[in-house]
Amino acid sequence: MTRADTLAIRTPEGIEFHLPLAGPFTRMLAYSVDFAVILAIEQAVQQAMAPLALFGPDAMVAVTTVLYFAISVLYCAILEWLWRGQTVGKKLLGLRVIEASGLKLEPAQVVVRNLMRFIDFLPGFYLLGAISCVLNSRRQRLGDIVAGTVVVRASKLKEPDLEQLLGGKYNSLAEQRHLAARLRHKVSPDLARLAFEAVLRRSELEPGPRLTLFRELANYFRGLVAYPAEVVEQLSDEQYVRNVVEVLFARTKGAHTPR
């Protein structure tokens, strides 16, 4: 894989991450699966609205057109928001929509990129969107460009050697099992990867940027799940992030590590 096939995300502290971009062909396969799901939903809704046929064929054509538009937008938008950038097709093909700078997707971005899908479809069979993907260095269709999103391959994270990385220290965050489970649910795979890389490469950073990076990561994680003050008050920002990484990746290995 060349650098041209990846999305480079560089933090202010100088750490650079590369995520593999999804190509037009793989994205088309994913949408083919989603299109089949959309048609199945549309047919089920049409069956429920069969009495409208009494108003004539023109009314049914109008209803069918509106239904397809509404269902296709809502299906993609709702799933991409609830499943962190994935639909049924993207899950099967291992793809994920993310914010172009690596941040969390916003609802407005999800809605805009899916509303723009009908422009990308012009003049037919996603021709305009495919041309945009081929010519754009980030493999973005027009909807992605307008919404500020990209589609990447959602590679699975390998379990790190946490005992070597974290020193097997007591983890107060893992002790709060219900909060640890909530944290794992809220943290995206890309953010988990970023936090792990930050911990793994912390010795490569200068003292100032290192403090800034871990302060920003710790504050973000604190905003996702609020732990009791007595649990976290003795933890530095870097210790907090290291404990979060252990919560995200560790399997059950005793009383202090949650599943």
C-alpha atoms as a PDB file:
ATOM      1  CA  MET A   1       0.000   0.000   0.000  1.00  0.00           C
ATOM      2  CA  THR A   2       1.407   3.387  -1.002  1.00  0.00           C
ATOM      3  CA  ARG A   3       1.037   6.646   0.908  1.00  0.00           C
ATOM      4  CA  ALA A   4      -1.351   7.763  -1.872  1.00  0.00           C
ATOM      5  CA  ASP A   5      -3.755   5.041  -0.711  1.00  0.00           C
ATOM      6  CA  THR A   6      -3.877   6.278   2.877  1.00  0.00           C
ATOM      7  CA  LEU A   7      -5.288   9.200   4.830  1.00  0.00           C
ATOM      8  CA  ALA A   8      -2.565  10.924   6.857  1.00  0.00           C
ATOM      9  CA  ILE A   9      -3.705  12.438  10.164  1.00  0.00           C
ATOM     10  CA  ARG A  10      -1.087  14.539  11.916  1.00  0.00           C
ATOM     11  CA  THR A  11      -1.551  15.751  15.479  1.00  0.00           C
ATOM     12  CA  PRO A  12      -0.236  19.168  16.627  1.00  0.00           C
ATOM     13  CA  GLU A  13       2.398  17.235  18.578  1.00  0.00           C
ATOM     14  CA  GLY A  14       3.877  15.814  15.378  1.00  0.00           C
ATOM     15  CA  ILE A  15       2.529  12.250  15.569  1.00  0.00           C
ATOM     16  CA  GLU A  16       1.280  11.037  12.192  1.00  0.00           C
ATOM     17  CA  PHE A  17      -1.225   8.229  11.643  1.00  0.00           C
ATOM     18  CA  HIS A  18      -2.106   6.606   8.332  1.00  0.00           C
ATOM     19  CA  LEU A  19      -5.523   5.074   7.664  1.00  0.00           C
ATOM     20  CA  PRO A  20      -6.123   3.007   4.487  1.00  0.00           C
ATOM     21  CA  LEU A  21      -8.588   4.683   2.115  1.00  0.00           C
ATOM     22  CA  ALA A  22     -11.473   2.785   0.528  1.00  0.00           C
ATOM     23  CA  GLY A  23     -11.462   2.709  -3.268  1.00  0.00           C
ATOM     24  CA  PRO A  24     -14.441   3.335  -5.599  1.00  0.00           C
ATOM     25  CA  PHE A  25     -14.945  -0.359  -6.427  1.00  0.00           C
ATOM     26  CA  THR A  26     -15.121  -1.487  -2.790  1.00  0.00           C
ATOM     27  CA  ARG A  27     -17.432   1.387  -1.951  1.00  0.00           C
ATOM     28  CA  MET A  28     -19.723   0.458  -4.842  1.00  0.00           C
ATOM     29  CA  LEU A  29     -19.896  -3.135  -3.608  1.00  0.00           C
ATOM     30  CA  ALA A  30     -20.813  -1.892  -0.132  1.00  0.00           C
ATOM     31  CA  TYR A  31     -23.548   0.344  -1.503  1.00  0.00           C
ATOM     32  CA  SER A  32     -24.885  -2.527  -3.638  1.00  0.00           C
ATOM     33  CA  VAL A  33     -25.561  -4.406  -0.400  1.00  0.00           C
ATOM     34  CA  ASP A  34     -27.163  -1.317   1.138  1.00  0.00           C
ATOM     35  CA  PHE A  35     -29.237  -0.765  -2.025  1.00  0.00           C
ATOM     36  CA  ALA A  36     -30.658  -4.293  -1.705  1.00  0.00           C
ATOM     37  CA  VAL A  37     -31.553  -3.611   1.934  1.00  0.00           C
ATOM     38  CA  ILE A  38     -33.180  -0.286   0.995  1.00  0.00           C
ATOM     39  CA  LEU A  39     -35.270  -1.961  -1.721  1.00  0.00           C
ATOM     40  CA  ALA A  40     -36.416  -4.642   0.736  1.00  0.00           C
ATOM     41  CA  ILE A  41     -37.494  -1.973   3.242  1.00  0.00           C
ATOM     42  CA  GLU A  42     -39.217   0.024   0.506  1.00  0.00           C
ATOM     43  CA  GLN A  43     -41.158  -3.006  -0.720  1.00  0.00           C
ATOM     44  CA  ALA A  44     -42.305  -3.790   2.804  1.00  0.00           C
ATOM     45  CA  VAL A  45     -43.523  -0.197   3.265  1.00  0.00           C
ATOM     46  CA  GLN A  46     -45.258  -0.282  -0.135  1.00  0.00           C
ATOM     47  CA  GLN A  47     -47.142  -3.404   0.873  1.00  0.00           C
ATOM     48  CA  ALA A  48     -48.379  -1.599   3.957  1.00  0.00           C
ATOM     49  CA  MET A  49     -49.501   1.342   1.798  1.00  0.00           C
ATOM     50  CA  ALA A  50     -51.175  -0.792  -0.881  1.00  0.00           C
ATOM     51  CA  PRO A  51     -54.596   0.844  -0.329  1.00  0.00           C
ATOM     52  CA  LEU A  52     -53.184   4.021  -1.937  1.00  0.00           C
ATOM     53  CA  ALA A  53     -53.444   2.234  -5.301  1.00  0.00           C
ATOM     54  CA  LEU A  54     -57.108   3.187  -5.249  1.00  0.00           C
ATOM     55  CA  PHE A  55     -56.057   6.767  -6.048  1.00  0.00           C
ATOM     56  CA  GLY A  56     -54.513   5.683  -9.360  1.00  0.00           C
ATOM     57  CA  PRO A  57     -51.095   4.698 -10.752  1.00  0.00           C
ATOM     58  CA  ASP A  58     -49.762   8.271 -10.751  1.00  0.00           C
ATOM     59  CA  ALA A  59     -50.269   8.515  -7.010  1.00  0.00           C
ATOM     60  CA  MET A  60     -48.410   5.243  -6.469  1.00  0.00           C
ATOM     61  CA  VAL A  61     -45.482   6.411  -8.627  1.00  0.00           C
ATOM     62  CA  ALA A  62     -45.249   9.621  -6.599  1.00  0.00           C
ATOM     63  CA  VAL A  63     -45.427   7.727  -3.324  1.00  0.00           C
ATOM     64  CA  THR A  64     -42.795   5.225  -4.484  1.00  0.00           C
ATOM     65  CA  THR A  65     -40.403   8.013  -5.500  1.00  0.00           C
ATOM     66  CA  VAL A  66     -40.782   9.834  -2.199  1.00  0.00           C
ATOM     67  CA  LEU A  67     -40.443   6.598  -0.259  1.00  0.00           C
ATOM     68  CA  TYR A  68     -37.186   5.666  -1.970  1.00  0.00           C
ATOM     69  CA  PHE A  69     -35.737   9.119  -1.345  1.00  0.00           C
ATOM     70  CA  ALA A  70     -36.752   9.157   2.331  1.00  0.00           C
ATOM     71  CA  ILE A  71     -35.809   5.551   3.110  1.00  0.00           C
ATOM     72  CA  SER A  72     -32.417   5.677   1.386  1.00  0.00           C
ATOM     73  CA  VAL A  73     -31.407   8.896   3.171  1.00  0.00           C
ATOM     74  CA  LEU A  74     -32.731   7.815   6.567  1.00  0.00           C
ATOM     75  CA  TYR A  75     -31.315   4.295   6.305  1.00  0.00           C
ATOM     76  CA  CYS A  76     -27.763   5.455   5.539  1.00  0.00           C
ATOM     77  CA  ALA A  77     -27.826   8.477   7.850  1.00  0.00           C
ATOM     78  CA  ILE A  78     -29.255   6.684  10.882  1.00  0.00           C
ATOM     79  CA  LEU A  79     -26.960   3.663  10.604  1.00  0.00           C
ATOM     80  CA  GLU A  80     -23.842   5.750   9.936  1.00  0.00           C
ATOM     81  CA  TRP A  81     -24.602   7.767  13.055  1.00  0.00           C
ATOM     82  CA  LEU A  82     -25.521   4.848  15.329  1.00  0.00           C
ATOM     83  CA  TRP A  83     -22.833   2.483  13.998  1.00  0.00           C
ATOM     84  CA  ARG A  84     -20.021   5.069  13.953  1.00  0.00           C
ATOM     85  CA  GLY A  85     -19.820   5.530  10.213  1.00  0.00           C
ATOM     86  CA  GLN A  86     -21.003   2.115   9.047  1.00  0.00           C
ATOM     87  CA  THR A  87     -24.050   0.665   7.308  1.00  0.00           C
ATOM     88  CA  VAL A  88     -24.819  -3.001   6.639  1.00  0.00           C
ATOM     89  CA  GLY A  89     -22.816  -2.887   3.412  1.00  0.00           C
ATOM     90  CA  LYS A  90     -19.884  -1.063   4.986  1.00  0.00           C
ATOM     91  CA  LYS A  91     -19.772  -3.549   7.858  1.00  0.00           C
ATOM     92  CA  LEU A  92     -19.665  -6.485   5.455  1.00  0.00           C
ATOM     93  CA  LEU A  93     -16.942  -4.876   3.330  1.00  0.00           C
ATOM     94  CA  GLY A  94     -14.967  -3.545   6.300  1.00  0.00           C
ATOM     95  CA  LEU A  95     -15.419   0.171   5.560  1.00  0.00           C
ATOM     96  CA  ARG A  96     -16.128   3.158   7.796  1.00  0.00           C
ATOM     97  CA  VAL A  97     -16.963   6.842   7.274  1.00  0.00           C
ATOM     98  CA  ILE A  98     -14.866   9.214   9.390  1.00  0.00           C
ATOM     99  CA  GLU A  99     -14.370  12.953   9.659  1.00  0.00           C
ATOM    100  CA  ALA A 100     -11.639  14.064   7.235  1.00  0.00           C
ATOM    101  CA  SER A 101      -9.302  15.170  10.032  1.00  0.00           C
ATOM    102  CA  GLY A 102      -9.928  12.075  12.128  1.00  0.00           C
ATOM    103  CA  LEU A 103     -12.388  13.630  14.583  1.00  0.00           C
ATOM    104  CA  LYS A 104     -15.784  12.227  15.534  1.00  0.00           C
ATOM    105  CA  LEU A 105     -18.522  12.400  12.905  1.00  0.00           C
ATOM    106  CA  GLU A 106     -21.155  15.054  13.516  1.00  0.00           C
ATOM    107  CA  PRO A 107     -24.859  14.451  12.735  1.00  0.00           C
ATOM    108  CA  ALA A 108     -24.875  17.285  10.181  1.00  0.00           C
ATOM    109  CA  GLN A 109     -22.015  15.646   8.269  1.00  0.00           C
ATOM    110  CA  VAL A 110     -23.849  12.333   8.109  1.00  0.00           C
ATOM    111  CA  VAL A 111     -27.019  14.011   6.813  1.00  0.00           C
ATOM    112  CA  VAL A 112     -25.226  16.190   4.238  1.00  0.00           C
ATOM    113  CA  ARG A 113     -23.153  13.359   2.721  1.00  0.00           C
ATOM    114  CA  ASN A 114     -26.298  11.257   2.273  1.00  0.00           C
ATOM    115  CA  LEU A 115     -28.410  14.068   0.841  1.00  0.00           C
ATOM    116  CA  MET A 116     -25.623  14.663  -1.691  1.00  0.00           C
ATOM    117  CA  ARG A 117     -25.793  11.007  -2.723  1.00  0.00           C
ATOM    118  CA  PHE A 118     -28.465  11.830  -5.318  1.00  0.00           C
ATOM    119  CA  ILE A 119     -26.121  14.310  -7.019  1.00  0.00           C
ATOM    120  CA  ASP A 120     -23.293  11.768  -6.970  1.00  0.00           C
ATOM    121  CA  PHE A 121     -25.664   9.327  -8.665  1.00  0.00           C
ATOM    122  CA  LEU A 122     -26.040  11.573 -11.739  1.00  0.00           C
ATOM    123  CA  PRO A 123     -26.299  10.986 -14.656  1.00  0.00           C
ATOM    124  CA  GLY A 124     -26.756   7.379 -13.561  1.00  0.00           C
ATOM    125  CA  PHE A 125     -25.118   4.485 -11.698  1.00  0.00           C
ATOM    126  CA  TYR A 126     -23.025   6.834  -9.531  1.00  0.00           C
ATOM    127  CA  LEU A 127     -21.017   8.040 -12.525  1.00  0.00           C
ATOM    128  CA  LEU A 128     -20.375  11.521 -11.101  1.00  0.00           C
ATOM    129  CA  GLY A 129     -19.471  10.109  -7.677  1.00  0.00           C
ATOM    130  CA  ALA A 130     -17.147   7.504  -9.203  1.00  0.00           C
ATOM    131  CA  ILE A 131     -15.326  10.120 -11.281  1.00  0.00           C
ATOM    132  CA  SER A 132     -14.898  12.264  -8.183  1.00  0.00           C
ATOM    133  CA  CYS A 133     -13.485   9.296  -6.218  1.00  0.00           C
ATOM    134  CA  VAL A 134     -10.961   8.504  -8.941  1.00  0.00           C
ATOM    135  CA  LEU A 135      -9.770  12.097  -9.355  1.00  0.00           C
ATOM    136  CA  ASN A 136      -9.743  13.020  -5.654  1.00  0.00           C
ATOM    137  CA  SER A 137      -6.605  12.196  -3.653  1.00  0.00           C
ATOM    138  CA  ARG A 138      -8.740  11.222  -0.648  1.00  0.00           C
ATOM    139  CA  ARG A 139     -11.091   9.037  -2.735  1.00  0.00           C
ATOM    140  CA  GLN A 140     -14.004  11.323  -1.845  1.00  0.00           C
ATOM    141  CA  ARG A 141     -17.261  11.520  -3.747  1.00  0.00           C
ATOM    142  CA  LEU A 142     -18.938  14.935  -3.922  1.00  0.00           C
ATOM    143  CA  GLY A 143     -20.973  14.214  -0.804  1.00  0.00           C
ATOM    144  CA  ASP A 144     -17.782  13.496   1.140  1.00  0.00           C
ATOM    145  CA  ILE A 145     -16.147  16.702  -0.103  1.00  0.00           C
ATOM    146  CA  VAL A 146     -19.108  18.839   0.934  1.00  0.00           C
ATOM    147  CA  ALA A 147     -19.543  17.072   4.298  1.00  0.00           C
ATOM    148  CA  GLY A 148     -15.823  16.897   5.074  1.00  0.00           C
ATOM    149  CA  THR A 149     -15.748  13.109   5.384  1.00  0.00           C
ATOM    150  CA  VAL A 150     -13.713  10.222   4.000  1.00  0.00           C
ATOM    151  CA  VAL A 151     -14.293   6.473   3.807  1.00  0.00           C
ATOM    152  CA  VAL A 152     -11.513   4.264   5.153  1.00  0.00           C
ATOM    153  CA  ARG A 153     -10.993   0.557   5.600  1.00  0.00           C
ATOM    154  CA  ALA A 154     -11.936  -0.359   9.154  1.00  0.00           C
ATOM    155  CA  SER A 155      -8.971  -2.571   9.967  1.00  0.00           C
ATOM    156  CA  LYS A 156      -9.200  -4.696  13.100  1.00  0.00           C
ATOM    157  CA  LEU A 157      -6.940  -3.734  15.974  1.00  0.00           C
ATOM    158  CA  LYS A 158      -4.513  -6.334  17.253  1.00  0.00           C
ATOM    159  CA  GLU A 159      -4.358  -6.786  20.987  1.00  0.00           C
ATOM    160  CA  PRO A 160      -1.201  -5.137  22.309  1.00  0.00           C
ATOM    161  CA  ASP A 161       1.045  -6.620  24.960  1.00  0.00           C
ATOM    162  CA  LEU A 162      -0.443  -4.550  27.763  1.00  0.00           C
ATOM    163  CA  GLU A 163       1.673  -6.069  30.513  1.00  0.00           C
ATOM    164  CA  GLN A 164       4.813  -4.915  28.745  1.00  0.00           C
ATOM    165  CA  LEU A 165       3.311  -1.566  27.721  1.00  0.00           C
ATOM    166  CA  LEU A 166       1.622  -0.577  30.972  1.00  0.00           C
ATOM    167  CA  GLY A 167       3.745  -2.454  33.472  1.00  0.00           C
ATOM    168  CA  GLY A 168       0.854  -4.429  34.953  1.00  0.00           C
ATOM    169  CA  LYS A 169      -0.087  -1.564  37.298  1.00  0.00           C
ATOM    170  CA  TYR A 170      -3.348  -1.441  39.206  1.00  0.00           C
ATOM    171  CA  ASN A 171      -6.030   0.169  37.049  1.00  0.00           C
ATOM    172  CA  SER A 172      -8.631   2.132  39.012  1.00  0.00           C
ATOM    173  CA  LEU A 173     -10.692   2.765  35.846  1.00  0.00           C
ATOM    174  CA  ALA A 174     -11.051  -0.953  35.175  1.00  0.00           C
ATOM    175  CA  GLU A 175     -12.363  -1.455  38.719  1.00  0.00           C
ATOM    176  CA  GLN A 176     -15.517   0.482  37.788  1.00  0.00           C
ATOM    177  CA  ARG A 177     -16.840  -2.223  35.504  1.00  0.00           C
ATOM    178  CA  HIS A 178     -20.057  -0.506  34.390  1.00  0.00           C
ATOM    179  CA  LEU A 179     -18.172   2.698  33.560  1.00  0.00           C
ATOM    180  CA  ALA A 180     -15.425   0.748  31.784  1.00  0.00           C
ATOM    181  CA  ALA A 181     -18.072  -0.966  29.637  1.00  0.00           C
ATOM    182  CA  ARG A 182     -19.599   2.416  28.804  1.00  0.00           C
ATOM    183  CA  LEU A 183     -16.169   3.769  27.848  1.00  0.00           C
ATOM    184  CA  ARG A 184     -15.504   0.836  25.504  1.00  0.00           C
ATOM    185  CA  HIS A 185     -18.896   1.445  23.884  1.00  0.00           C
ATOM    186  CA  LYS A 186     -18.292   5.151  23.283  1.00  0.00           C
ATOM    187  CA  VAL A 187     -14.699   5.077  22.014  1.00  0.00           C
ATOM    188  CA  SER A 188     -14.367   4.532  18.258  1.00  0.00           C
ATOM    189  CA  PRO A 189     -11.747   2.090  16.883  1.00  0.00           C
ATOM    190  CA  ASP A 190      -9.825   4.965  15.286  1.00  0.00           C
ATOM    191  CA  LEU A 191      -9.664   6.895  18.560  1.00  0.00           C
ATOM    192  CA  ALA A 192      -8.609   3.724  20.385  1.00  0.00           C
ATOM    193  CA  ARG A 193      -5.824   3.270  17.842  1.00  0.00           C
ATOM    194  CA  LEU A 194      -4.713   6.884  18.277  1.00  0.00           C
ATOM    195  CA  ALA A 195      -4.593   6.572  22.077  1.00  0.00           C
ATOM    196  CA  PHE A 196      -2.669   3.309  21.866  1.00  0.00           C
ATOM    197  CA  GLU A 197      -0.152   4.820  19.441  1.00  0.00           C
ATOM    198  CA  ALA A 198       0.279   7.823  21.719  1.00  0.00           C
ATOM    199  CA  VAL A 199       1.075   5.553  24.682  1.00  0.00           C
ATOM    200  CA  LEU A 200       3.328   3.322  22.603  1.00  0.00           C
ATOM    201  CA  ARG A 201       5.342   6.226  21.157  1.00  0.00           C
ATOM    202  CA  ARG A 202       5.283   8.577  24.140  1.00  0.00           C
ATOM    203  CA  SER A 203       9.058   8.371  24.614  1.00  0.00           C
ATOM    204  CA  GLU A 204       9.551   9.839  21.119  1.00  0.00           C
ATOM    205  CA  LEU A 205       7.893  13.131  22.101  1.00  0.00           C
ATOM    206  CA  GLU A 206       9.478  16.209  23.565  1.00  0.00           C
ATOM    207  CA  PRO A 207       8.266  16.991  27.122  1.00  0.00           C
ATOM    208  CA  GLY A 208       6.045  19.947  26.102  1.00  0.00           C
ATOM    209  CA  PRO A 209       4.185  18.268  23.205  1.00  0.00           C
ATOM    210  CA  ARG A 210       3.922  15.069  25.255  1.00  0.00           C
ATOM    211  CA  LEU A 211       2.130  16.886  28.087  1.00  0.00           C
ATOM    212  CA  THR A 212      -0.177  18.648  25.608  1.00  0.00           C
ATOM    213  CA  LEU A 213      -1.081  15.469  23.737  1.00  0.00           C
ATOM    214  CA  PHE A 214      -1.958  13.467  26.838  1.00  0.00           C
ATOM    215  CA  ARG A 215      -3.848  16.397  28.371  1.00  0.00           C
ATOM    216  CA  GLU A 216      -6.059  16.662  25.277  1.00  0.00           C
ATOM    217  CA  LEU A 217      -6.630  12.906  25.096  1.00  0.00           C
ATOM    218  CA  ALA A 218      -7.366  12.646  28.818  1.00  0.00           C
ATOM    219  CA  ASN A 219      -9.819  15.548  28.704  1.00  0.00           C
ATOM    220  CA  TYR A 220     -11.620  13.975  25.738  1.00  0.00           C
ATOM    221  CA  PHE A 221     -11.947  10.616  27.514  1.00  0.00           C
ATOM    222  CA  ARG A 222     -13.103  12.345  30.713  1.00  0.00           C
ATOM    223  CA  GLY A 223     -15.828  14.010  28.664  1.00  0.00           C
ATOM    224  CA  LEU A 224     -17.061  10.655  27.349  1.00  0.00           C
ATOM    225  CA  VAL A 225     -17.473   8.957  30.733  1.00  0.00           C
ATOM    226  CA  ALA A 226     -17.408  10.697  34.108  1.00  0.00           C
ATOM    227  CA  TYR A 227     -15.614   8.605  36.752  1.00  0.00           C
ATOM    228  CA  PRO A 228     -16.003   9.406  40.475  1.00  0.00           C
ATOM    229  CA  ALA A 229     -13.477  11.978  41.681  1.00  0.00           C
ATOM    230  CA  GLU A 230     -11.954   9.590  44.225  1.00  0.00           C
ATOM    231  CA  VAL A 231     -11.137   7.141  41.422  1.00  0.00           C
ATOM    232  CA  VAL A 232      -9.276   9.562  39.140  1.00  0.00           C
ATOM    233  CA  GLU A 233      -7.997  12.397  41.340  1.00  0.00           C
ATOM    234  CA  GLN A 234      -4.542  10.830  41.802  1.00  0.00           C
ATOM    235  CA  LEU A 235      -4.033  10.099  38.093  1.00  0.00           C
ATOM    236  CA  SER A 236      -1.944  12.313  35.838  1.00  0.00           C
ATOM    237  CA  ASP A 237      -3.183  12.906  32.284  1.00  0.00           C
ATOM    238  CA  GLU A 238      -0.751  10.342  30.911  1.00  0.00           C
ATOM    239  CA  GLN A 239      -1.690   7.738  33.528  1.00  0.00           C
ATOM    240  CA  TYR A 240      -5.348   8.362  32.762  1.00  0.00           C
ATOM    241  CA  VAL A 241      -4.826   7.689  29.047  1.00  0.00           C
ATOM    242  CA  ARG A 242      -2.707   4.604  29.760  1.00  0.00           C
ATOM    243  CA  ASN A 243      -5.456   3.224  31.977  1.00  0.00           C
ATOM    244  CA  VAL A 244      -8.040   3.987  29.273  1.00  0.00           C
ATOM    245  CA  VAL A 245      -5.943   2.069  26.726  1.00  0.00           C
ATOM    246  CA  GLU A 246      -5.871  -0.928  29.056  1.00  0.00           C
ATOM    247  CA  VAL A 247      -9.652  -0.733  29.524  1.00  0.00           C
ATOM    248  CA  LEU A 248     -10.154  -0.619  25.737  1.00  0.00           C
ATOM    249  CA  PHE A 249      -7.863  -3.516  24.871  1.00  0.00           C
ATOM    250  CA  ALA A 250      -7.488  -5.842  27.846  1.00  0.00           C
ATOM    251  CA  ARG A 251      -9.275  -9.124  28.350  1.00  0.00           C
ATOM    252  CA  THR A 252     -10.208 -10.453  31.762  1.00  0.00           C
ATOM    253  CA  LYS A 253      -6.973 -11.438  33.518  1.00  0.00           C
ATOM    254  CA  GLY A 254      -7.995 -11.103  37.130  1.00  0.00           C
ATOM    255  CA  ALA A 255     -10.086  -9.023  39.451  1.00  0.00           C
ATOM    256  CA  HIS A 256      -8.755  -5.690  38.275  1.00  0.00           C
ATOM    257  CA  THR A 257      -9.250  -6.011  34.523  1.00  0.00           C
ATOM    258  CA  PRO A 258     -12.739  -5.956  32.993  1.00  0.00           C
ATOM    259  CA  ARG A 259     -13.851  -8.036  30.074  1.00  0.00           C
END
